[in-house]
N, C-alpha and C. Protein backbone atom coordinates (compact mmCIF):
# COMPACT_ATOMS: atom_id res chain seq x y z
N MET A 1 0.86 -1.32 -0.15
CA MET A 1 0.06 0.02 0.09
C MET A 1 0.90 1.12 0.33
N THR A 2 1.89 1.52 0.51
CA THR A 2 2.97 2.27 0.72
C THR A 2 3.57 2.53 -0.79
N LEU A 3 3.35 1.90 -1.70
CA LEU A 3 3.73 2.02 -2.99
C LEU A 3 3.07 2.79 -3.46
N VAL A 4 1.59 2.52 -3.71
CA VAL A 4 0.43 2.46 -4.03
C VAL A 4 0.75 4.01 -4.14
N LEU A 5 1.09 4.56 -2.59
CA LEU A 5 0.71 6.12 -2.17
C LEU A 5 1.75 6.77 -2.30
N VAL A 6 2.83 6.49 -2.63
CA VAL A 6 3.31 7.04 -3.44
C VAL A 6 4.00 7.34 -4.95
N ILE A 7 3.15 5.94 -5.68
CA ILE A 7 2.62 6.77 -7.22
C ILE A 7 1.89 7.56 -7.05
N VAL A 8 1.20 7.59 -6.18
CA VAL A 8 -0.82 8.41 -6.06
C VAL A 8 0.50 10.02 -6.53
N THR A 9 1.12 9.72 -4.49
CA THR A 9 1.17 10.92 -4.66
C THR A 9 2.35 12.19 -5.68
N VAL A 10 3.25 11.12 -6.62
CA VAL A 10 3.81 11.19 -7.31
C VAL A 10 3.04 12.28 -8.71
N ILE A 11 2.34 10.86 -8.92
CA ILE A 11 1.41 11.24 -10.53
C ILE A 11 0.09 12.86 -10.27
N LEU A 12 0.14 12.72 -9.25
CA LEU A 12 -0.99 13.90 -8.23
C LEU A 12 -0.14 15.42 -8.60
N SER A 13 1.24 15.38 -7.91
CA SER A 13 1.72 16.64 -7.27
C SER A 13 2.64 17.17 -9.34
N LEU A 14 2.86 15.86 -10.03
CA LEU A 14 3.08 16.19 -11.30
C LEU A 14 1.64 16.73 -11.52
N ALA A 15 1.18 16.80 -12.22
CA ALA A 15 -0.56 17.32 -12.79
C ALA A 15 -1.02 18.44 -11.76
N ALA A 16 -0.56 18.51 -10.61
CA ALA A 16 -0.74 19.31 -10.61
C ALA A 16 0.61 20.91 -10.73
N ALA A 17 1.22 20.20 -10.87
CA ALA A 17 2.68 20.91 -11.21
C ALA A 17 2.32 22.00 -12.57
N GLY A 18 1.95 20.79 -13.65
CA GLY A 18 1.83 20.93 -14.62
C GLY A 18 0.39 22.04 -15.07
N ALA A 19 -0.85 21.58 -13.53
CA ALA A 19 -1.87 22.86 -14.32
C ALA A 19 -1.63 24.33 -13.75
N ILE A 20 -0.76 24.01 -12.51
CA ILE A 20 0.03 25.66 -12.11
C ILE A 20 0.37 26.33 -13.17
N TYR A 21 1.34 25.13 -13.76
CA TYR A 21 1.92 25.98 -15.11
C TYR A 21 1.82 26.67 -15.89
N ARG A 22 0.49 25.61 -16.81
CA ARG A 22 -0.33 26.17 -18.02
C ARG A 22 -1.60 27.35 -16.88
N MET A 23 -1.60 27.43 -15.68
CA MET A 23 -2.10 28.98 -14.90
C MET A 23 -1.36 29.87 -15.04
N ALA A 24 -0.17 29.66 -15.28
CA ALA A 24 0.79 30.94 -14.95
C ALA A 24 1.38 31.24 -16.31
N VAL A 25 1.08 30.24 -17.12
CA VAL A 25 1.69 30.98 -18.92
C VAL A 25 0.58 30.66 -19.79
N GLY A 26 -0.65 30.33 -19.40
CA GLY A 26 -1.87 29.98 -20.69
C GLY A 26 -1.82 30.74 -21.55
N PRO A 27 -2.52 30.82 -23.27
CA PRO A 27 -1.76 31.84 -23.67
C PRO A 27 -3.62 32.49 -23.31
N SER A 28 -4.02 31.93 -22.87
CA SER A 28 -5.77 32.64 -23.20
C SER A 28 -6.56 32.72 -22.49
N LEU A 29 -7.19 33.08 -21.83
CA LEU A 29 -7.72 32.88 -20.76
C LEU A 29 -9.06 31.95 -20.13
N LEU A 30 -8.98 31.38 -21.88
CA LEU A 30 -9.73 29.22 -21.19
C LEU A 30 -9.06 28.36 -20.44
N ASP A 31 -7.93 29.01 -20.99
CA ASP A 31 -6.76 27.95 -20.66
C ASP A 31 -6.81 28.16 -19.10
N ARG A 32 -6.41 28.98 -18.51
CA ARG A 32 -6.02 29.51 -17.71
C ARG A 32 -7.58 29.38 -16.52
N VAL A 33 -8.84 29.12 -16.67
CA VAL A 33 -9.51 28.70 -16.10
C VAL A 33 -9.50 27.00 -16.09
N LEU A 34 -9.27 26.74 -17.28
CA LEU A 34 -9.27 25.46 -17.24
C LEU A 34 -8.51 24.63 -15.93
N ALA A 35 -8.02 25.10 -16.56
CA ALA A 35 -6.37 24.88 -15.86
C ALA A 35 -6.58 24.44 -13.46
N ALA A 36 -7.46 25.71 -14.20
CA ALA A 36 -7.86 26.06 -12.26
C ALA A 36 -9.06 25.13 -12.14
N ASP A 37 -9.64 24.50 -13.10
CA ASP A 37 -10.79 23.39 -12.46
C ASP A 37 -9.59 21.80 -12.92
N VAL A 38 -9.43 21.51 -13.10
CA VAL A 38 -8.33 21.13 -13.76
C VAL A 38 -7.28 20.33 -11.79
N LEU A 39 -6.92 21.98 -11.42
CA LEU A 39 -6.53 22.24 -9.79
C LEU A 39 -7.27 21.79 -9.03
N LEU A 40 -8.27 22.02 -8.64
CA LEU A 40 -9.75 21.67 -8.32
C LEU A 40 -9.55 20.27 -8.32
N ALA A 41 -9.74 20.19 -9.36
CA ALA A 41 -9.96 17.79 -9.82
C ALA A 41 -8.84 17.56 -8.58
N ILE A 42 -8.10 17.87 -8.71
CA ILE A 42 -6.55 17.06 -8.64
C ILE A 42 -6.78 17.45 -7.09
N VAL A 43 -6.71 18.39 -6.32
CA VAL A 43 -6.64 18.17 -5.11
C VAL A 43 -7.64 17.65 -4.41
N GLY A 44 -9.10 17.33 -4.76
CA GLY A 44 -10.44 16.50 -4.82
C GLY A 44 -9.90 14.31 -4.36
N ALA A 45 -9.27 14.81 -5.61
CA ALA A 45 -7.95 13.62 -6.44
C ALA A 45 -7.08 13.48 -4.68
N ALA A 46 -6.94 14.08 -3.99
CA ALA A 46 -5.55 14.38 -3.09
C ALA A 46 -6.51 13.33 -1.79
N LEU A 47 -7.71 14.41 -2.30
CA LEU A 47 -8.43 14.32 -0.66
C LEU A 47 -8.86 12.98 -0.78
N ALA A 48 -9.32 12.62 -1.22
CA ALA A 48 -10.06 11.30 -1.57
C ALA A 48 -8.69 9.89 -1.78
N THR A 49 -8.11 10.42 -1.73
CA THR A 49 -7.24 9.33 -1.32
C THR A 49 -6.63 9.62 -0.23
N ASP A 50 -6.63 10.46 0.13
CA ASP A 50 -6.59 10.63 1.88
C ASP A 50 -7.40 10.44 2.35
N MET A 51 -8.26 10.05 1.80
CA MET A 51 -9.81 9.64 3.14
C MET A 51 -9.51 8.29 2.68
N ALA A 52 -9.53 8.05 1.73
CA ALA A 52 -9.22 5.76 1.36
C ALA A 52 -8.04 5.50 2.00
N VAL A 53 -6.89 5.84 2.17
CA VAL A 53 -5.55 5.94 3.46
C VAL A 53 -5.99 5.58 4.35
N ASN A 54 -6.49 6.54 5.19
CA ASN A 54 -6.28 6.76 6.50
C ASN A 54 -7.59 5.97 7.06
N HIS A 55 -8.66 5.65 6.77
CA HIS A 55 -10.15 4.91 6.59
C HIS A 55 -11.17 6.10 7.56
N HIS A 56 -11.11 6.68 6.91
CA HIS A 56 -11.82 7.55 7.72
C HIS A 56 -12.51 8.93 7.10
N LEU A 57 -13.84 9.75 7.41
CA LEU A 57 -15.18 10.53 6.03
C LEU A 57 -14.83 11.82 6.03
N HIS A 58 -13.50 12.12 7.05
CA HIS A 58 -13.26 13.94 7.88
C HIS A 58 -13.37 14.52 6.73
N SER A 59 -12.95 14.20 5.49
CA SER A 59 -12.83 15.14 4.50
C SER A 59 -14.38 15.33 3.68
N LEU A 60 -15.06 14.77 3.28
CA LEU A 60 -16.00 14.26 2.39
C LEU A 60 -16.88 15.33 2.57
N ALA A 61 -17.29 16.39 3.01
CA ALA A 61 -18.01 17.63 3.71
C ALA A 61 -16.77 18.48 2.11
N LEU A 62 -15.43 18.49 2.63
CA LEU A 62 -14.88 19.27 1.71
C LEU A 62 -14.65 19.10 0.42
N LEU A 63 -14.83 17.68 -0.03
CA LEU A 63 -15.05 17.51 -1.23
C LEU A 63 -16.31 17.20 -1.45
N VAL A 64 -16.97 17.13 -1.14
CA VAL A 64 -18.87 17.50 -1.94
C VAL A 64 -18.55 19.16 -2.57
N ALA A 65 -18.14 19.47 -1.23
CA ALA A 65 -18.21 21.25 -1.72
C ALA A 65 -16.92 21.71 -3.29
N LEU A 66 -15.89 21.18 -2.57
CA LEU A 66 -15.50 21.75 -3.88
C LEU A 66 -15.43 21.18 -5.57
N SER A 67 -16.42 19.40 -5.54
CA SER A 67 -16.80 19.25 -6.14
C SER A 67 -18.05 19.76 -7.47
N LEU A 68 -18.92 20.59 -5.97
CA LEU A 68 -19.77 21.51 -6.59
C LEU A 68 -18.97 22.64 -6.97
N ILE A 69 -17.89 23.37 -6.79
CA ILE A 69 -16.86 24.43 -6.68
C ILE A 69 -16.68 24.43 -8.25
N GLY A 70 -16.37 23.46 -8.37
CA GLY A 70 -15.50 22.95 -9.84
C GLY A 70 -17.09 22.53 -11.11
N PHE A 71 -18.06 22.48 -10.44
CA PHE A 71 -19.21 21.45 -11.30
C PHE A 71 -19.63 23.43 -11.73
N ILE A 72 -19.86 24.30 -10.24
CA ILE A 72 -20.56 25.59 -10.99
C ILE A 72 -19.81 26.75 -11.80
N GLY A 73 -18.62 26.41 -11.32
CA GLY A 73 -17.51 27.48 -12.02
C GLY A 73 -17.14 26.71 -13.33
N SER A 74 -16.77 25.53 -14.09
CA SER A 74 -17.28 25.22 -15.07
C SER A 74 -17.46 25.47 -15.95
N VAL A 75 -19.53 25.38 -15.99
CA VAL A 75 -20.60 25.98 -16.09
C VAL A 75 -21.11 27.45 -16.28
N THR A 76 -20.74 28.05 -15.67
CA THR A 76 -20.78 29.49 -15.13
C THR A 76 -19.42 29.96 -16.17
N VAL A 77 -18.19 29.39 -16.06
CA VAL A 77 -17.17 30.12 -17.94
C VAL A 77 -17.62 29.42 -19.09
N ALA A 78 -18.47 28.25 -19.18
CA ALA A 78 -18.56 28.02 -20.56
C ALA A 78 -20.32 28.28 -21.20
N ARG A 79 -20.77 29.16 -19.85
CA ARG A 79 -22.01 30.06 -20.47
C ARG A 79 -21.42 31.53 -21.21
N PHE A 80 -21.05 31.58 -20.15
CA PHE A 80 -20.22 33.14 -20.60
C PHE A 80 -18.90 32.83 -21.74
N VAL A 81 -18.54 32.06 -21.85
CA VAL A 81 -17.72 31.57 -23.16
C VAL A 81 -18.84 31.37 -24.77
N LEU A 82 -19.25 30.78 -24.42
CA LEU A 82 -20.96 30.77 -25.33
C LEU A 82 -21.82 31.48 -25.98
N ASP A 83 -21.94 32.36 -24.14
CA ASP A 83 -21.93 33.99 -25.31
C ASP A 83 -21.45 35.69 -25.57
N ARG A 84 -20.27 34.99 -25.56
CA ARG A 84 -19.06 36.39 -26.15
C ARG A 84 -18.96 35.25 -27.37
N LYS A 85 -19.39 34.53 -27.69
CA LYS A 85 -19.28 33.58 -29.03
C LYS A 85 -20.56 34.17 -30.16
N GLY A 86 -20.86 34.11 -29.72
CA GLY A 86 -22.46 34.30 -30.14
C GLY A 86 -22.78 35.18 -30.95
């Protein structure tokens, strides 16, 4: 289980670094917003991993809140982009 935890930690860390890089360098606002959404999903995956490894549900409310914020943010940005192009 320790090896799996190390592998998951490395993968999530690399993914977070890539998302932060895209947020900083992204050529357009839409790229930056999408990177922020991906970073939110990575944080959610890290919380879920922590709950699975430590056998607790203390962070479940935070995970649900992060998922809801990510969904609402993505829908809002999609509607904003659609209104701008139309």
